[in-house]
N, C-alpha and C. Protein backbone atom coordinates (compact mmCIF):
# COMPACT_ATOMS: atom_id res chain seq x y z
N UNK A 1 86.41 142.32 40.13
CA UNK A 1 87.63 142.51 40.89
C UNK A 1 88.05 143.98 40.75
N UNK A 2 88.36 144.63 41.86
CA UNK A 2 88.71 146.05 41.80
C UNK A 2 90.16 146.25 41.32
N UNK A 3 90.49 147.49 41.07
CA UNK A 3 91.80 147.83 40.50
C UNK A 3 92.93 147.43 41.43
N UNK A 4 92.76 147.71 42.73
CA UNK A 4 93.82 147.38 43.69
C UNK A 4 94.07 145.88 43.71
N UNK A 5 93.00 145.10 43.69
CA UNK A 5 93.15 143.64 43.71
C UNK A 5 93.85 143.16 42.45
N UNK A 6 93.53 143.78 41.29
CA UNK A 6 94.19 143.40 40.04
C UNK A 6 95.68 143.69 40.10
N UNK A 7 96.05 144.85 40.65
CA UNK A 7 97.47 145.20 40.72
C UNK A 7 98.21 144.29 41.69
N UNK A 8 97.56 143.92 42.81
CA UNK A 8 98.18 142.99 43.76
C UNK A 8 98.36 141.63 43.10
N UNK A 9 97.32 141.19 42.38
CA UNK A 9 97.40 139.91 41.67
C UNK A 9 98.51 139.97 40.63
N UNK A 10 98.62 141.09 39.92
CA UNK A 10 99.68 141.24 38.92
C UNK A 10 101.04 141.22 39.59
N UNK A 11 101.14 141.82 40.79
CA UNK A 11 102.40 141.82 41.52
C UNK A 11 102.82 140.43 41.92
N UNK A 12 101.86 139.60 42.37
CA UNK A 12 102.21 138.23 42.73
C UNK A 12 102.60 137.44 41.49
N UNK A 13 101.96 137.72 40.35
CA UNK A 13 102.32 137.05 39.10
C UNK A 13 103.73 137.46 38.68
N UNK A 14 104.08 138.70 38.92
CA UNK A 14 105.41 139.19 38.56
C UNK A 14 106.46 138.44 39.37
N UNK A 15 106.22 138.27 40.67
CA UNK A 15 107.20 137.58 41.51
C UNK A 15 107.37 136.13 41.06
N UNK A 16 106.27 135.43 40.73
CA UNK A 16 106.41 134.05 40.29
C UNK A 16 107.05 133.97 38.91
N UNK A 17 106.69 134.91 38.02
CA UNK A 17 107.26 134.92 36.68
C UNK A 17 108.76 135.22 36.73
N UNK A 18 109.16 136.07 37.68
CA UNK A 18 110.58 136.41 37.78
C UNK A 18 111.40 135.18 38.13
N UNK A 19 110.83 134.34 39.01
CA UNK A 19 111.53 133.11 39.38
C UNK A 19 111.66 132.17 38.18
N UNK A 20 110.65 132.15 37.33
CA UNK A 20 110.65 131.27 36.17
C UNK A 20 111.48 131.83 35.02
N UNK A 21 111.83 133.12 35.09
CA UNK A 21 112.60 133.79 34.05
C UNK A 21 111.86 133.84 32.72
N UNK A 22 110.54 134.03 32.77
CA UNK A 22 109.78 134.19 31.53
C UNK A 22 109.22 135.61 31.48
N UNK A 23 108.49 135.92 30.43
CA UNK A 23 107.97 137.28 30.25
C UNK A 23 106.94 137.62 31.32
N UNK A 24 106.84 138.90 31.62
CA UNK A 24 105.93 139.37 32.67
C UNK A 24 104.60 139.73 32.04
N UNK A 25 103.49 139.12 32.52
CA UNK A 25 102.19 139.46 31.95
C UNK A 25 101.69 140.79 32.50
N UNK A 26 101.13 141.62 31.63
CA UNK A 26 100.54 142.87 32.07
C UNK A 26 99.04 142.66 32.30
N UNK A 27 98.46 143.34 33.28
CA UNK A 27 97.02 143.22 33.47
C UNK A 27 96.28 143.77 32.26
N UNK A 28 95.12 143.20 31.98
CA UNK A 28 94.34 143.62 30.83
C UNK A 28 93.62 144.92 31.15
N UNK A 29 94.21 146.04 30.75
CA UNK A 29 93.67 147.37 31.04
C UNK A 29 92.41 147.61 30.22
N UNK A 30 92.30 147.00 29.05
CA UNK A 30 91.13 147.25 28.19
C UNK A 30 89.85 146.79 28.86
N UNK A 31 89.89 145.72 29.64
CA UNK A 31 88.70 145.25 30.35
C UNK A 31 88.24 146.30 31.35
N UNK A 32 89.19 146.90 32.06
CA UNK A 32 88.84 147.92 33.05
C UNK A 32 88.24 149.14 32.37
N UNK A 33 88.74 149.52 31.20
CA UNK A 33 88.23 150.69 30.51
C UNK A 33 86.83 150.43 29.97
N UNK A 34 86.55 149.21 29.50
CA UNK A 34 85.23 148.89 28.99
C UNK A 34 84.19 148.92 30.10
N UNK A 35 84.59 148.48 31.28
CA UNK A 35 83.68 148.45 32.41
C UNK A 35 83.41 149.84 32.95
N UNK A 36 84.24 150.80 32.60
CA UNK A 36 84.03 152.17 33.05
C UNK A 36 84.59 152.44 34.42
N UNK A 37 85.60 151.69 34.83
CA UNK A 37 86.22 151.93 36.14
C UNK A 37 86.84 153.31 36.16
N UNK A 38 86.65 154.00 37.27
CA UNK A 38 87.23 155.32 37.45
C UNK A 38 87.98 155.32 38.77
N UNK A 39 88.90 156.24 38.86
CA UNK A 39 89.63 156.45 40.11
C UNK A 39 89.38 157.89 40.54
N UNK A 40 89.51 158.12 41.83
CA UNK A 40 89.27 159.44 42.39
C UNK A 40 90.46 159.86 43.22
N UNK A 41 90.70 161.16 43.29
CA UNK A 41 91.77 161.71 44.11
C UNK A 41 91.32 163.09 44.60
N UNK A 42 92.02 163.61 45.61
CA UNK A 42 91.70 164.93 46.15
C UNK A 42 92.80 165.89 45.72
N UNK A 43 92.38 167.05 45.21
CA UNK A 43 93.33 168.04 44.71
C UNK A 43 93.07 169.39 45.37
N UNK A 44 94.16 170.11 45.63
CA UNK A 44 94.05 171.49 46.10
C UNK A 44 93.93 172.36 44.85
N UNK A 45 92.78 172.99 44.66
CA UNK A 45 92.54 173.75 43.43
C UNK A 45 93.36 175.02 43.36
N UNK A 46 93.75 175.57 44.49
CA UNK A 46 94.54 176.80 44.48
C UNK A 46 95.99 176.52 44.06
N UNK A 47 96.61 175.52 44.67
CA UNK A 47 98.02 175.22 44.36
C UNK A 47 98.17 174.17 43.26
N UNK A 48 97.06 173.52 42.86
CA UNK A 48 97.07 172.43 41.87
C UNK A 48 98.01 171.30 42.29
N UNK A 49 97.98 170.98 43.58
CA UNK A 49 98.79 169.88 44.12
C UNK A 49 97.85 168.82 44.66
N UNK A 50 98.28 167.55 44.57
CA UNK A 50 97.48 166.41 44.99
C UNK A 50 97.67 166.12 46.48
N UNK A 51 96.62 165.69 47.13
CA UNK A 51 96.69 165.28 48.53
C UNK A 51 97.31 163.89 48.61
N UNK A 52 98.37 163.74 49.41
CA UNK A 52 98.96 162.41 49.58
C UNK A 52 98.99 161.97 51.03
N UNK A 53 98.57 162.82 51.95
CA UNK A 53 98.53 162.44 53.35
C UNK A 53 97.99 163.57 54.21
N UNK A 54 97.73 163.24 55.47
CA UNK A 54 97.21 164.22 56.41
C UNK A 54 97.93 164.05 57.73
N UNK A 55 98.34 165.16 58.33
CA UNK A 55 99.01 165.15 59.63
C UNK A 55 97.96 165.47 60.69
N UNK A 56 97.54 164.43 61.42
CA UNK A 56 96.48 164.58 62.41
C UNK A 56 96.99 165.07 63.77
N UNK A 57 98.26 165.41 63.87
CA UNK A 57 98.79 165.93 65.13
C UNK A 57 98.28 167.33 65.41
N UNK A 58 97.80 168.02 64.39
CA UNK A 58 97.32 169.39 64.53
C UNK A 58 95.80 169.42 64.48
N UNK A 59 95.23 170.51 65.00
CA UNK A 59 93.78 170.70 64.87
C UNK A 59 93.51 172.09 64.33
N UNK A 60 92.92 172.27 63.18
CA UNK A 60 92.51 171.22 62.24
C UNK A 60 93.73 170.54 61.61
N UNK A 61 93.56 169.31 61.11
CA UNK A 61 94.69 168.57 60.53
C UNK A 61 95.33 169.32 59.35
N UNK A 62 96.64 169.15 59.21
CA UNK A 62 97.38 169.75 58.09
C UNK A 62 97.43 168.75 56.94
N UNK A 63 97.13 169.25 55.75
CA UNK A 63 97.14 168.38 54.56
C UNK A 63 98.54 168.37 53.95
N UNK A 64 98.98 167.21 53.54
CA UNK A 64 100.27 167.05 52.85
C UNK A 64 99.98 166.92 51.36
N UNK A 65 100.57 167.80 50.57
CA UNK A 65 100.30 167.82 49.13
C UNK A 65 101.60 167.70 48.33
N UNK A 66 101.45 167.25 47.09
CA UNK A 66 102.60 167.06 46.22
C UNK A 66 102.16 167.10 44.77
N UNK A 67 103.09 167.47 43.89
CA UNK A 67 102.84 167.40 42.45
C UNK A 67 103.08 165.99 41.91
N UNK A 68 103.83 165.15 42.66
CA UNK A 68 104.29 163.86 42.16
C UNK A 68 103.60 162.65 42.74
N UNK A 69 102.90 162.79 43.85
CA UNK A 69 102.24 161.63 44.43
C UNK A 69 100.85 162.01 44.92
N UNK A 70 99.96 160.99 44.99
CA UNK A 70 98.58 161.26 45.40
C UNK A 70 97.98 160.00 46.00
N UNK A 71 96.96 160.22 46.83
CA UNK A 71 96.14 159.11 47.30
C UNK A 71 95.05 158.91 46.26
N UNK A 72 94.80 157.67 45.88
CA UNK A 72 93.72 157.39 44.94
C UNK A 72 92.67 156.54 45.64
N UNK A 73 91.44 156.70 45.21
CA UNK A 73 90.32 155.98 45.81
C UNK A 73 89.56 155.26 44.71
N UNK A 74 89.04 154.10 45.08
CA UNK A 74 88.37 153.24 44.11
C UNK A 74 86.98 153.74 43.73
N UNK A 75 86.27 154.33 44.69
CA UNK A 75 84.93 154.80 44.40
C UNK A 75 84.68 156.17 45.01
N UNK A 76 83.62 156.80 44.55
CA UNK A 76 83.31 158.18 44.95
C UNK A 76 82.96 158.26 46.43
N UNK A 77 82.29 157.25 46.95
CA UNK A 77 81.89 157.25 48.36
C UNK A 77 83.11 157.25 49.28
N UNK A 78 84.11 156.45 48.95
CA UNK A 78 85.34 156.41 49.76
C UNK A 78 86.06 157.75 49.69
N UNK A 79 86.09 158.35 48.51
CA UNK A 79 86.74 159.66 48.36
C UNK A 79 86.02 160.72 49.19
N UNK A 80 84.69 160.70 49.18
CA UNK A 80 83.92 161.66 49.98
C UNK A 80 84.16 161.45 51.47
N UNK A 81 84.19 160.17 51.90
CA UNK A 81 84.44 159.86 53.30
C UNK A 81 85.81 160.38 53.75
N UNK A 82 86.84 160.10 52.94
CA UNK A 82 88.19 160.56 53.28
C UNK A 82 88.28 162.08 53.25
N UNK A 83 87.57 162.72 52.33
CA UNK A 83 87.54 164.18 52.25
C UNK A 83 87.04 164.77 53.57
N UNK A 84 85.96 164.18 54.09
CA UNK A 84 85.40 164.67 55.37
C UNK A 84 86.28 164.29 56.55
N UNK A 85 86.79 163.04 56.56
CA UNK A 85 87.61 162.57 57.67
C UNK A 85 88.89 163.39 57.82
N UNK A 86 89.47 163.78 56.70
CA UNK A 86 90.71 164.56 56.70
C UNK A 86 90.45 166.05 56.88
N UNK A 87 89.18 166.44 56.94
CA UNK A 87 88.77 167.82 57.15
C UNK A 87 89.41 168.76 56.12
N UNK A 88 89.26 168.39 54.85
CA UNK A 88 89.80 169.22 53.77
C UNK A 88 89.04 170.54 53.71
N UNK A 89 89.76 171.61 53.45
CA UNK A 89 89.17 172.95 53.42
C UNK A 89 88.49 173.28 52.11
N UNK A 90 88.13 174.56 51.97
CA UNK A 90 87.38 175.02 50.79
C UNK A 90 88.21 174.99 49.51
N UNK A 91 89.53 174.90 49.62
CA UNK A 91 90.39 174.87 48.43
C UNK A 91 90.53 173.48 47.83
N UNK A 92 89.97 172.46 48.48
CA UNK A 92 90.12 171.08 48.03
C UNK A 92 88.87 170.58 47.33
N UNK A 93 89.07 169.76 46.30
CA UNK A 93 87.97 169.16 45.54
C UNK A 93 88.33 167.71 45.24
N UNK A 94 87.30 166.91 44.97
CA UNK A 94 87.51 165.52 44.54
C UNK A 94 87.58 165.52 43.02
N UNK A 95 88.62 164.90 42.48
CA UNK A 95 88.83 164.85 41.03
C UNK A 95 88.61 163.42 40.53
N UNK A 96 88.01 163.29 39.36
CA UNK A 96 87.85 161.99 38.71
C UNK A 96 89.05 161.80 37.78
N UNK A 97 89.73 160.65 37.91
CA UNK A 97 90.94 160.38 37.13
C UNK A 97 90.64 159.39 36.01
N UNK A 98 91.43 159.46 34.96
CA UNK A 98 91.38 158.45 33.91
C UNK A 98 91.98 157.17 34.47
N UNK A 99 91.62 156.04 33.87
CA UNK A 99 92.21 154.78 34.27
C UNK A 99 93.71 154.80 33.94
N UNK A 100 94.51 154.34 34.87
CA UNK A 100 95.95 154.33 34.69
C UNK A 100 96.35 153.18 33.78
N UNK A 101 97.19 153.47 32.81
CA UNK A 101 97.72 152.45 31.92
C UNK A 101 99.17 152.16 32.30
N UNK A 102 99.52 150.90 32.30
CA UNK A 102 100.89 150.51 32.62
C UNK A 102 101.70 150.46 31.34
N UNK A 103 102.76 151.28 31.27
CA UNK A 103 103.64 151.27 30.10
C UNK A 103 104.67 150.16 30.20
N UNK A 104 105.29 150.04 31.37
CA UNK A 104 106.40 149.11 31.51
C UNK A 104 106.55 148.75 32.99
N UNK A 105 106.87 147.51 33.25
CA UNK A 105 107.16 147.08 34.61
C UNK A 105 108.66 146.90 34.75
N UNK A 106 109.22 147.42 35.80
CA UNK A 106 110.65 147.33 36.02
C UNK A 106 110.97 146.14 36.92
N UNK A 107 112.08 145.51 36.68
CA UNK A 107 112.53 144.40 37.52
C UNK A 107 113.02 144.92 38.85
N UNK A 108 112.74 144.15 39.91
CA UNK A 108 113.25 144.52 41.22
C UNK A 108 114.68 144.03 41.36
N UNK A 109 115.56 144.92 41.69
CA UNK A 109 116.97 144.52 41.85
C UNK A 109 117.60 145.31 42.94
């Protein structure tokens, strides 16, 4: 099961657990780390900002970057495909990310 599916499954568990008023189960991150799951993202090496979107109204498309948000990809092939599709320039590279660990889940209110 991929990371996105695990987080969606965890989200549905959170909604059912909230109704029951019991503790919220966290996904088992250690299993993902043992399997060697990696995440990928695109970064602008000049500005050190992450790619979070692309504005296709322009030609060539304009990249939207931020220090606080990023698009993540499950595998290297998808990251390469999106890199080409978004027509990223020479300042952009694909970065390999560490597996994200969940510290705390907040209640929806």
